[in-house]
Amino acid sequence: MISRSILATTLIAPLALGLAACGGAAATTGIAASPMPQAAPTNTSIAGARALTAGESLDVVVPCGSKLYFGPFNFAAEGDRVALVTSVRSVSGAQVCGGGAFVDGDDVQQAVAGTGCVEHQADFASNLDYAYTPGAGGSTADPVYLSLWTGDGTGDPAGSTCGALALHLEARTLP
């Protein structure tokens, strides 16, 4: 069975882009139909990180130049892991990029975890995984946090062409 996010990314999103280019109505998929919260995110620091539970999903609009934190993810044993699924889209259609990392309590990067660049309001799905493997040479950081930020893809997080990023985040596996 093909998942909805794969179907949307591989079939529906290119069709929507083609229709838009020809002057037709563009279809929206995934998080485009999800209601987005009106309040500004408050998880803009490790101290204010938003906790997640396994199976939980959330939708949030991330303004350009913003950085959000999720966690902490505490590990009990070698091989414990965090598995998150994301879907992102540009709210305005302008290119917007979602960078990210799994970081320790001092905000030091332990692993890359970005969501990619999108434009034209097409959805893009990705998996963000982190395994706790200090015995195999991996990081000994415990706990870790997911840090996600937005920018315009030029390295300037507050670039004049940067739009807001609609983020759908689902916690699949948590330690």
Protein backbone atom coordinates (compact mmCIF):
# COMPACT_ATOMS: atom_id res chain seq x y z
CA MET A 1 0.00 0.00 0.00
CA ILE A 2 1.39 3.41 -0.96
CA SER A 3 1.40 5.95 1.86
CA ARG A 4 -0.45 9.23 1.43
CA SER A 5 2.74 11.30 1.83
CA ILE A 6 4.57 9.30 -0.86
CA LEU A 7 1.57 9.54 -3.16
CA ALA A 8 1.32 13.30 -2.57
CA THR A 9 5.04 13.87 -3.12
CA THR A 10 5.46 11.71 -6.21
CA LEU A 11 2.13 12.03 -8.00
CA ILE A 12 -0.13 14.82 -6.81
CA ALA A 13 2.40 17.60 -6.13
CA PRO A 14 3.94 17.49 -9.67
CA LEU A 15 0.43 17.40 -11.17
CA ALA A 16 -0.55 20.45 -9.10
CA LEU A 17 2.57 22.29 -10.26
CA GLY A 18 1.79 21.43 -13.88
CA LEU A 19 -1.78 22.66 -13.56
CA ALA A 20 -0.62 25.90 -11.95
CA ALA A 21 1.89 26.49 -14.76
CA CYS A 22 -0.90 26.02 -17.33
CA GLY A 23 -3.22 28.41 -15.53
CA GLY A 24 -5.37 25.64 -14.04
CA ALA A 25 -6.38 25.22 -10.42
CA ALA A 26 -3.67 23.72 -8.27
CA ALA A 27 -4.63 20.91 -5.93
CA THR A 28 -3.54 21.06 -2.31
CA THR A 29 -2.48 18.00 -0.34
CA GLY A 30 -1.29 16.92 3.07
CA ILE A 31 -0.91 19.72 5.57
CA ALA A 32 -2.39 22.32 3.23
CA ALA A 33 -5.82 21.20 4.38
CA SER A 34 -4.85 21.02 8.05
CA PRO A 35 -5.80 23.90 10.32
CA MET A 36 -2.78 25.85 11.49
CA PRO A 37 -2.51 27.37 14.96
CA GLN A 38 -2.83 31.15 15.18
CA ALA A 39 -0.59 31.62 18.21
CA ALA A 40 3.15 32.05 17.76
CA PRO A 41 5.22 29.02 18.80
CA THR A 42 6.69 29.31 22.31
CA ASN A 43 9.26 26.51 21.97
CA THR A 44 12.00 28.85 20.70
CA SER A 45 14.66 27.66 23.18
CA ILE A 46 15.82 24.41 24.72
CA ALA A 47 14.29 25.54 28.02
CA GLY A 48 10.93 25.91 26.25
CA ALA A 49 11.22 22.76 24.10
CA ARG A 50 7.92 21.14 23.20
CA ALA A 51 7.66 17.58 24.48
CA LEU A 52 6.33 14.90 22.13
CA THR A 53 4.77 11.53 22.83
CA ALA A 54 4.89 8.48 20.55
CA GLY A 55 2.05 8.60 18.04
CA GLU A 56 1.48 12.33 18.52
CA SER A 57 1.32 14.65 15.55
CA LEU A 58 1.18 18.41 15.37
CA ASP A 59 0.85 21.16 12.80
CA VAL A 60 2.51 24.52 13.16
CA VAL A 61 3.46 27.46 10.94
CA VAL A 62 7.13 28.38 11.42
CA PRO A 63 7.82 32.04 10.53
CA CYS A 64 10.90 32.81 8.44
CA GLY A 65 14.04 33.06 10.54
CA SER A 66 12.50 31.13 13.45
CA LYS A 67 14.06 28.26 15.37
CA LEU A 68 11.92 25.74 17.28
CA TYR A 69 12.90 22.98 19.73
CA PHE A 70 11.21 19.64 20.44
CA GLY A 71 12.10 17.16 23.18
CA PRO A 72 13.84 16.22 25.35
CA PHE A 73 14.42 12.70 24.08
CA ASN A 74 15.93 10.67 26.94
CA PHE A 75 17.62 7.34 26.27
CA ALA A 76 17.65 4.30 28.56
CA ALA A 77 19.77 1.91 26.51
CA GLU A 78 22.08 1.50 23.55
CA GLY A 79 20.03 1.39 20.35
CA ASP A 80 17.12 3.52 21.62
CA ARG A 81 15.98 5.79 18.83
CA VAL A 82 13.84 8.72 17.82
CA ALA A 83 11.91 8.42 14.55
CA LEU A 84 9.91 11.42 13.36
CA VAL A 85 8.09 11.99 10.08
CA THR A 86 7.67 15.50 8.69
CA SER A 87 5.76 17.09 5.87
CA VAL A 88 6.48 20.71 4.98
CA ARG A 89 5.25 23.27 2.48
CA SER A 90 5.70 26.95 1.77
CA VAL A 91 2.71 28.94 2.98
CA SER A 92 3.14 31.68 0.35
CA GLY A 93 4.72 29.68 -2.47
CA ALA A 94 8.10 31.42 -2.04
CA GLN A 95 11.07 29.13 -1.51
CA VAL A 96 11.61 28.32 2.15
CA CYS A 97 14.09 25.88 3.63
CA GLY A 98 13.83 23.93 6.85
CA GLY A 99 17.19 23.23 8.41
CA GLY A 100 17.67 21.30 11.57
CA ALA A 101 19.72 19.15 13.87
CA PHE A 102 19.49 16.88 16.85
CA VAL A 103 21.31 18.85 19.55
CA ASP A 104 22.43 18.25 23.12
CA GLY A 105 21.36 20.33 26.14
CA ASP A 106 23.96 23.00 25.24
CA ASP A 107 22.53 23.33 21.69
CA VAL A 108 25.58 21.58 20.16
CA GLN A 109 24.77 19.62 17.00
CA GLN A 110 24.89 15.83 17.34
CA ALA A 111 23.30 14.92 13.96
CA VAL A 112 21.77 16.73 10.97
CA ALA A 113 17.96 16.66 10.75
CA GLY A 114 16.62 19.25 8.26
CA THR A 115 13.30 19.12 6.44
CA GLY A 116 14.50 20.39 3.03
CA CYS A 117 13.58 23.28 0.74
CA VAL A 118 10.14 23.69 -0.80
CA GLU A 119 8.34 26.21 -2.98
CA HIS A 120 5.13 26.57 -4.98
CA GLN A 121 3.13 25.24 -2.01
CA ALA A 122 4.07 21.63 -2.81
CA ASP A 123 4.38 19.21 0.12
CA PHE A 124 7.70 17.54 0.89
CA ALA A 125 7.89 14.59 3.29
CA SER A 126 11.00 13.40 5.13
CA ASN A 127 12.08 11.14 7.98
CA LEU A 128 14.15 12.45 10.87
CA ASP A 129 15.88 9.64 12.78
CA TYR A 130 18.40 9.61 15.60
CA ALA A 131 19.85 6.48 17.21
CA TYR A 132 21.58 6.47 20.59
CA THR A 133 24.70 4.39 19.92
CA PRO A 134 27.61 5.50 22.14
CA GLY A 135 28.87 1.89 22.29
CA ALA A 136 29.26 1.92 18.50
CA GLY A 137 31.08 5.27 18.44
CA GLY A 138 27.98 7.47 18.32
CA SER A 139 27.30 10.50 20.47
CA THR A 140 26.98 10.08 24.24
CA ALA A 141 24.58 13.06 24.45
CA ASP A 142 21.53 12.22 26.56
CA PRO A 143 19.04 13.78 26.29
CA VAL A 144 18.88 15.25 22.79
CA TYR A 145 16.46 17.77 21.30
CA LEU A 146 15.26 18.34 17.75
CA SER A 147 16.02 21.87 16.61
CA LEU A 148 14.33 23.07 13.39
CA TRP A 149 14.82 26.45 11.75
CA THR A 150 13.73 28.22 8.57
CA GLY A 151 15.43 30.33 5.96
CA ASP A 152 15.35 31.16 2.27
CA GLY A 153 18.01 28.69 1.12
CA THR A 154 20.73 31.32 0.63
CA GLY A 155 22.21 31.02 4.11
CA ASP A 156 20.44 34.21 5.19
CA PRO A 157 17.74 33.01 7.62
CA ALA A 158 15.87 36.30 7.41
CA GLY A 159 16.23 36.79 3.64
CA SER A 160 13.76 39.08 1.91
CA THR A 161 12.32 36.20 -0.16
CA CYS A 162 11.79 33.89 2.79
CA GLY A 163 8.27 32.81 3.60
CA ALA A 164 6.68 30.85 6.41
CA LEU A 165 7.02 27.07 6.54
CA ALA A 166 3.96 24.93 7.34
CA LEU A 167 5.25 21.95 9.32
CA HIS A 168 3.48 18.69 10.09
CA LEU A 169 5.49 16.64 12.58
CA GLU A 170 4.61 13.11 13.68
CA ALA A 171 6.42 11.18 16.41
CA ARG A 172 6.65 7.54 15.32
CA THR A 173 9.17 6.07 17.77
CA LEU A 174 10.47 7.68 20.93
CA PRO A 175 12.81 6.25 23.57
